[in-house]
Amino acid sequence: MEKKPEGKKNGCKEDDDLPRMQLNHVSRLCKSVKDSVEFYEKALGFVPIERPQGFDFDGAWLFNYGIGIHLVQAKDEQKLPDNDELDPMDNHISFQCEDMAALERKLNELNIKYIKRTVGGKEDGVIDQLFFKDPDGFMIEICNCENVKLKPAGSIGRLKLPFDRHNPPVELDSNAANAS
């Protein structure tokens, strides 16, 4: 019988061997950086931030809610999705939202086509979802996923949840600092 190394559970590293992590940003190719910036600002409240000057390609960085979106001007539009169909089973990024009705009103105000569905039940928790696409056809989901408990599926699994938000430091100029 093979002996497992001491200090290991199920042959896996101890929890302390890996540092805590969180999603930093999502990168998207786009047909028009300008149009995509406008969409993410108006529809989802993201804020443009300065990019490091060393990049030699067109793009924009946006940030809010503890996550960044990096937009990169596509050199080849063939790499972009060309499907107008809204399919919740398609690749997508999901944002948890504290007021689904307010976001649905915003989508209607901006004439953004979306589908709405509810999944789950009393035992698991009910999740409301809105699915729509950005100007380049990338699927976005908005949900109230906090209604569902995180339950590790299997014997491995100590979830690592941040005790605080390790967001990038924010540098405000005097005009921005006075506006807040």
C-alpha atoms as a PDB file:
ATOM      1  CA  MET A   1       0.000   0.000   0.000  1.00  0.00           C
ATOM      2  CA  GLU A   2       1.389   3.392  -1.033  1.00  0.00           C
ATOM      3  CA  LYS A   3       2.095   5.686   1.865  1.00  0.00           C
ATOM      4  CA  LYS A   4       0.969   9.292   1.479  1.00  0.00           C
ATOM      5  CA  PRO A   5       3.535  11.941   2.367  1.00  0.00           C
ATOM      6  CA  GLU A   6       3.088  13.451   5.810  1.00  0.00           C
ATOM      7  CA  GLY A   7       1.382  16.811   5.899  1.00  0.00           C
ATOM      8  CA  LYS A   8      -0.601  16.090   2.748  1.00  0.00           C
ATOM      9  CA  LYS A   9      -4.301  15.343   2.433  1.00  0.00           C
ATOM     10  CA  ASN A  10      -5.360  12.992  -0.327  1.00  0.00           C
ATOM     11  CA  GLY A  11      -1.937  13.483  -1.925  1.00  0.00           C
ATOM     12  CA  CYS A  12      -2.662  17.187  -2.424  1.00  0.00           C
ATOM     13  CA  LYS A  13      -0.722  20.164  -1.161  1.00  0.00           C
ATOM     14  CA  GLU A  14      -1.679  21.652   2.155  1.00  0.00           C
ATOM     15  CA  ASP A  15      -3.962  24.657   1.917  1.00  0.00           C
ATOM     16  CA  ASP A  16      -1.181  26.989   3.046  1.00  0.00           C
ATOM     17  CA  ASP A  17       1.076  26.028   0.121  1.00  0.00           C
ATOM     18  CA  LEU A  18      -0.871  28.291  -2.255  1.00  0.00           C
ATOM     19  CA  PRO A  19      -1.456  31.976  -1.590  1.00  0.00           C
ATOM     20  CA  ARG A  20      -4.959  33.386  -1.671  1.00  0.00           C
ATOM     21  CA  MET A  21      -6.033  34.493  -5.112  1.00  0.00           C
ATOM     22  CA  GLN A  22      -8.935  36.318  -6.683  1.00  0.00           C
ATOM     23  CA  LEU A  23      -9.934  37.135 -10.222  1.00  0.00           C
ATOM     24  CA  ASN A  24      -8.056  40.248 -11.365  1.00  0.00           C
ATOM     25  CA  HIS A  25      -9.381  40.927 -14.855  1.00  0.00           C
ATOM     26  CA  VAL A  26     -11.026  39.513 -17.942  1.00  0.00           C
ATOM     27  CA  SER A  27      -9.560  40.383 -21.337  1.00  0.00           C
ATOM     28  CA  ARG A  28     -11.755  40.795 -24.418  1.00  0.00           C
ATOM     29  CA  LEU A  29     -10.916  41.355 -28.073  1.00  0.00           C
ATOM     30  CA  CYS A  30     -13.189  43.970 -29.597  1.00  0.00           C
ATOM     31  CA  LYS A  31     -14.049  45.513 -32.979  1.00  0.00           C
ATOM     32  CA  SER A  32     -14.076  49.012 -31.506  1.00  0.00           C
ATOM     33  CA  VAL A  33     -12.409  49.794 -28.185  1.00  0.00           C
ATOM     34  CA  LYS A  34     -14.360  53.075 -28.038  1.00  0.00           C
ATOM     35  CA  ASP A  35     -17.764  51.366 -28.499  1.00  0.00           C
ATOM     36  CA  SER A  36     -16.909  48.662 -25.978  1.00  0.00           C
ATOM     37  CA  VAL A  37     -15.739  51.189 -23.363  1.00  0.00           C
ATOM     38  CA  GLU A  38     -19.024  53.069 -23.797  1.00  0.00           C
ATOM     39  CA  PHE A  39     -21.034  49.837 -23.395  1.00  0.00           C
ATOM     40  CA  TYR A  40     -19.256  48.696 -20.219  1.00  0.00           C
ATOM     41  CA  GLU A  41     -19.505  52.210 -18.726  1.00  0.00           C
ATOM     42  CA  LYS A  42     -23.205  52.706 -19.460  1.00  0.00           C
ATOM     43  CA  ALA A  43     -24.565  49.168 -19.060  1.00  0.00           C
ATOM     44  CA  LEU A  44     -22.454  47.927 -16.147  1.00  0.00           C
ATOM     45  CA  GLY A  45     -20.903  50.987 -14.496  1.00  0.00           C
ATOM     46  CA  PHE A  46     -17.251  50.207 -15.216  1.00  0.00           C
ATOM     47  CA  VAL A  47     -14.791  53.105 -15.038  1.00  0.00           C
ATOM     48  CA  PRO A  48     -11.881  53.650 -17.467  1.00  0.00           C
ATOM     49  CA  ILE A  49      -8.480  53.558 -15.774  1.00  0.00           C
ATOM     50  CA  GLU A  50      -5.034  54.345 -17.148  1.00  0.00           C
ATOM     51  CA  ARG A  51      -3.132  51.517 -18.847  1.00  0.00           C
ATOM     52  CA  PRO A  52       0.608  51.104 -18.416  1.00  0.00           C
ATOM     53  CA  GLN A  53       2.347  53.055 -21.194  1.00  0.00           C
ATOM     54  CA  GLY A  54       4.473  50.128 -22.379  1.00  0.00           C
ATOM     55  CA  PHE A  55       1.711  48.484 -24.416  1.00  0.00           C
ATOM     56  CA  ASP A  56       2.207  48.762 -28.187  1.00  0.00           C
ATOM     57  CA  PHE A  57      -1.388  47.939 -29.157  1.00  0.00           C
ATOM     58  CA  ASP A  58      -4.718  49.774 -28.920  1.00  0.00           C
ATOM     59  CA  GLY A  59      -6.841  48.970 -25.917  1.00  0.00           C
ATOM     60  CA  ALA A  60      -8.459  50.224 -22.736  1.00  0.00           C
ATOM     61  CA  TRP A  61      -8.657  49.137 -19.122  1.00  0.00           C
ATOM     62  CA  LEU A  62     -11.821  49.423 -17.072  1.00  0.00           C
ATOM     63  CA  PHE A  63     -12.324  48.701 -13.382  1.00  0.00           C
ATOM     64  CA  ASN A  64     -15.084  48.482 -10.776  1.00  0.00           C
ATOM     65  CA  TYR A  65     -16.538  46.054  -8.247  1.00  0.00           C
ATOM     66  CA  GLY A  66     -13.083  44.602  -7.577  1.00  0.00           C
ATOM     67  CA  ILE A  67     -12.539  43.343 -11.135  1.00  0.00           C
ATOM     68  CA  GLY A  68     -10.919  44.720 -14.267  1.00  0.00           C
ATOM     69  CA  ILE A  69     -11.930  44.382 -17.890  1.00  0.00           C
ATOM     70  CA  HIS A  70      -9.110  44.771 -20.397  1.00  0.00           C
ATOM     71  CA  LEU A  71     -10.284  45.585 -23.916  1.00  0.00           C
ATOM     72  CA  VAL A  72      -7.924  44.882 -26.809  1.00  0.00           C
ATOM     73  CA  GLN A  73      -8.489  46.095 -30.360  1.00  0.00           C
ATOM     74  CA  ALA A  74      -8.885  43.011 -32.583  1.00  0.00           C
ATOM     75  CA  LYS A  75      -6.518  42.775 -35.524  1.00  0.00           C
ATOM     76  CA  ASP A  76      -8.593  39.941 -36.979  1.00  0.00           C
ATOM     77  CA  GLU A  77     -12.371  40.267 -36.591  1.00  0.00           C
ATOM     78  CA  GLN A  78     -12.697  36.581 -37.537  1.00  0.00           C
ATOM     79  CA  LYS A  79     -11.653  35.799 -33.950  1.00  0.00           C
ATOM     80  CA  LEU A  80     -14.746  37.528 -32.563  1.00  0.00           C
ATOM     81  CA  PRO A  81     -18.055  35.756 -31.946  1.00  0.00           C
ATOM     82  CA  ASP A  82     -20.515  36.316 -34.789  1.00  0.00           C
ATOM     83  CA  ASN A  83     -23.523  34.697 -33.174  1.00  0.00           C
ATOM     84  CA  ASP A  84     -26.478  36.926 -32.225  1.00  0.00           C
ATOM     85  CA  GLU A  85     -28.224  34.073 -30.407  1.00  0.00           C
ATOM     86  CA  LEU A  86     -28.499  34.413 -26.626  1.00  0.00           C
ATOM     87  CA  ASP A  87     -27.642  30.993 -25.216  1.00  0.00           C
ATOM     88  CA  PRO A  88     -27.025  30.675 -21.447  1.00  0.00           C
ATOM     89  CA  MET A  89     -24.929  27.578 -22.167  1.00  0.00           C
ATOM     90  CA  ASP A  90     -22.455  29.641 -24.248  1.00  0.00           C
ATOM     91  CA  ASN A  91     -19.119  30.868 -22.851  1.00  0.00           C
ATOM     92  CA  HIS A  92     -19.764  33.870 -20.632  1.00  0.00           C
ATOM     93  CA  ILE A  93     -18.624  35.917 -17.666  1.00  0.00           C
ATOM     94  CA  SER A  94     -21.000  36.377 -14.752  1.00  0.00           C
ATOM     95  CA  PHE A  95     -21.350  39.325 -12.388  1.00  0.00           C
ATOM     96  CA  GLN A  96     -23.212  39.008  -9.119  1.00  0.00           C
ATOM     97  CA  CYS A  97     -25.668  41.860  -8.639  1.00  0.00           C
ATOM     98  CA  GLU A  98     -27.440  43.133  -5.534  1.00  0.00           C
ATOM     99  CA  ASP A  99     -30.403  44.658  -7.432  1.00  0.00           C
ATOM    100  CA  MET A 100     -31.500  42.603 -10.430  1.00  0.00           C
ATOM    101  CA  ALA A 101     -34.557  44.788 -11.113  1.00  0.00           C
ATOM    102  CA  ALA A 102     -32.427  47.947 -11.354  1.00  0.00           C
ATOM    103  CA  LEU A 103     -30.059  46.298 -13.812  1.00  0.00           C
ATOM    104  CA  GLU A 104     -32.954  44.966 -15.889  1.00  0.00           C
ATOM    105  CA  ARG A 105     -34.364  48.519 -16.063  1.00  0.00           C
ATOM    106  CA  LYS A 106     -30.928  49.757 -17.228  1.00  0.00           C
ATOM    107  CA  LEU A 107     -30.795  47.121 -19.996  1.00  0.00           C
ATOM    108  CA  ASN A 108     -34.284  48.154 -21.156  1.00  0.00           C
ATOM    109  CA  GLU A 109     -33.318  51.842 -21.051  1.00  0.00           C
ATOM    110  CA  LEU A 110     -30.292  51.116 -23.264  1.00  0.00           C
ATOM    111  CA  ASN A 111     -32.338  48.848 -25.599  1.00  0.00           C
ATOM    112  CA  ILE A 112     -30.050  45.893 -24.903  1.00  0.00           C
ATOM    113  CA  LYS A 113     -31.601  42.571 -25.903  1.00  0.00           C
ATOM    114  CA  TYR A 114     -31.515  40.053 -23.044  1.00  0.00           C
ATOM    115  CA  ILE A 115     -33.106  36.876 -21.776  1.00  0.00           C
ATOM    116  CA  LYS A 116     -34.219  36.353 -18.214  1.00  0.00           C
ATOM    117  CA  ARG A 117     -34.483  33.042 -16.418  1.00  0.00           C
ATOM    118  CA  THR A 118     -34.770  31.627 -12.931  1.00  0.00           C
ATOM    119  CA  VAL A 119     -33.059  28.393 -11.913  1.00  0.00           C
ATOM    120  CA  GLY A 120     -32.801  26.346  -8.734  1.00  0.00           C
ATOM    121  CA  GLY A 121     -35.361  25.580  -6.094  1.00  0.00           C
ATOM    122  CA  LYS A 122     -36.186  25.751  -2.410  1.00  0.00           C
ATOM    123  CA  GLU A 123     -33.515  23.213  -1.427  1.00  0.00           C
ATOM    124  CA  ASP A 124     -30.612  24.762  -3.384  1.00  0.00           C
ATOM    125  CA  GLY A 125     -31.714  28.379  -3.523  1.00  0.00           C
ATOM    126  CA  VAL A 126     -33.253  30.304  -6.406  1.00  0.00           C
ATOM    127  CA  ILE A 127     -31.031  32.227  -8.829  1.00  0.00           C
ATOM    128  CA  ASP A 128     -32.350  34.946 -11.132  1.00  0.00           C
ATOM    129  CA  GLN A 129     -30.255  35.455 -14.265  1.00  0.00           C
ATOM    130  CA  LEU A 130     -30.060  37.997 -17.087  1.00  0.00           C
ATOM    131  CA  PHE A 131     -28.038  37.128 -20.204  1.00  0.00           C
ATOM    132  CA  PHE A 132     -26.991  39.629 -22.875  1.00  0.00           C
ATOM    133  CA  LYS A 133     -24.053  40.349 -25.159  1.00  0.00           C
ATOM    134  CA  ASP A 134     -21.556  43.155 -25.365  1.00  0.00           C
ATOM    135  CA  PRO A 135     -21.033  44.968 -28.709  1.00  0.00           C
ATOM    136  CA  ASP A 136     -18.623  42.232 -29.840  1.00  0.00           C
ATOM    137  CA  GLY A 137     -20.953  39.324 -29.102  1.00  0.00           C
ATOM    138  CA  PHE A 138     -19.434  38.164 -25.795  1.00  0.00           C
ATOM    139  CA  MET A 139     -22.049  36.764 -23.420  1.00  0.00           C
ATOM    140  CA  ILE A 140     -22.531  38.410 -20.029  1.00  0.00           C
ATOM    141  CA  GLU A 141     -24.610  37.030 -17.179  1.00  0.00           C
ATOM    142  CA  ILE A 142     -25.927  39.043 -14.269  1.00  0.00           C
ATOM    143  CA  CYS A 143     -27.157  36.976 -11.333  1.00  0.00           C
ATOM    144  CA  ASN A 144     -28.064  37.005  -7.676  1.00  0.00           C
ATOM    145  CA  CYS A 145     -25.918  33.929  -7.034  1.00  0.00           C
ATOM    146  CA  GLU A 146     -25.488  34.845  -3.368  1.00  0.00           C
ATOM    147  CA  ASN A 147     -28.793  32.973  -2.902  1.00  0.00           C
ATOM    148  CA  VAL A 148     -26.932  29.670  -3.350  1.00  0.00           C
ATOM    149  CA  LYS A 149     -24.551  28.310  -0.727  1.00  0.00           C
ATOM    150  CA  LEU A 150     -21.076  27.247  -1.841  1.00  0.00           C
ATOM    151  CA  LYS A 151     -20.734  23.556  -1.050  1.00  0.00           C
ATOM    152  CA  PRO A 152     -17.431  21.857  -1.907  1.00  0.00           C
ATOM    153  CA  ALA A 153     -18.184  18.847  -4.114  1.00  0.00           C
ATOM    154  CA  GLY A 154     -15.805  16.175  -2.937  1.00  0.00           C
ATOM    155  CA  SER A 155     -13.392  15.392  -0.163  1.00  0.00           C
ATOM    156  CA  ILE A 156     -10.719  17.870  -1.238  1.00  0.00           C
ATOM    157  CA  GLY A 157     -11.696  21.309  -0.755  1.00  0.00           C
ATOM    158  CA  ARG A 158     -11.197  23.941   1.697  1.00  0.00           C
ATOM    159  CA  LEU A 159     -12.492  27.029  -0.012  1.00  0.00           C
ATOM    160  CA  LYS A 160     -10.210  30.017   0.208  1.00  0.00           C
ATOM    161  CA  LEU A 161     -12.263  33.140   0.649  1.00  0.00           C
ATOM    162  CA  PRO A 162     -10.638  36.541   1.057  1.00  0.00           C
ATOM    163  CA  PHE A 163     -10.971  38.169   4.457  1.00  0.00           C
ATOM    164  CA  ASP A 164     -10.755  41.535   2.767  1.00  0.00           C
ATOM    165  CA  ARG A 165     -10.653  42.806  -0.796  1.00  0.00           C
ATOM    166  CA  HIS A 166      -7.110  42.978  -2.129  1.00  0.00           C
ATOM    167  CA  ASN A 167      -7.967  45.396  -4.877  1.00  0.00           C
ATOM    168  CA  PRO A 168      -5.264  47.319  -6.677  1.00  0.00           C
ATOM    169  CA  PRO A 169      -4.482  50.566  -4.888  1.00  0.00           C
ATOM    170  CA  VAL A 170      -6.471  53.503  -6.208  1.00  0.00           C
ATOM    171  CA  GLU A 171      -4.614  56.696  -7.038  1.00  0.00           C
ATOM    172  CA  LEU A 172      -6.916  59.720  -7.164  1.00  0.00           C
ATOM    173  CA  ASP A 173      -5.893  63.066  -8.565  1.00  0.00           C
ATOM    174  CA  SER A 174      -7.083  66.129  -6.641  1.00  0.00           C
ATOM    175  CA  ASN A 175     -10.138  66.618  -8.914  1.00  0.00           C
ATOM    176  CA  ALA A 176     -11.306  63.020  -8.491  1.00  0.00           C
ATOM    177  CA  ALA A 177     -10.668  63.091  -4.734  1.00  0.00           C
ATOM    178  CA  ASN A 178     -12.782  66.247  -4.353  1.00  0.00           C
ATOM    179  CA  ALA A 179     -15.625  64.761  -6.419  1.00  0.00           C
ATOM    180  CA  SER A 180     -16.096  61.774  -4.101  1.00  0.00           C
END
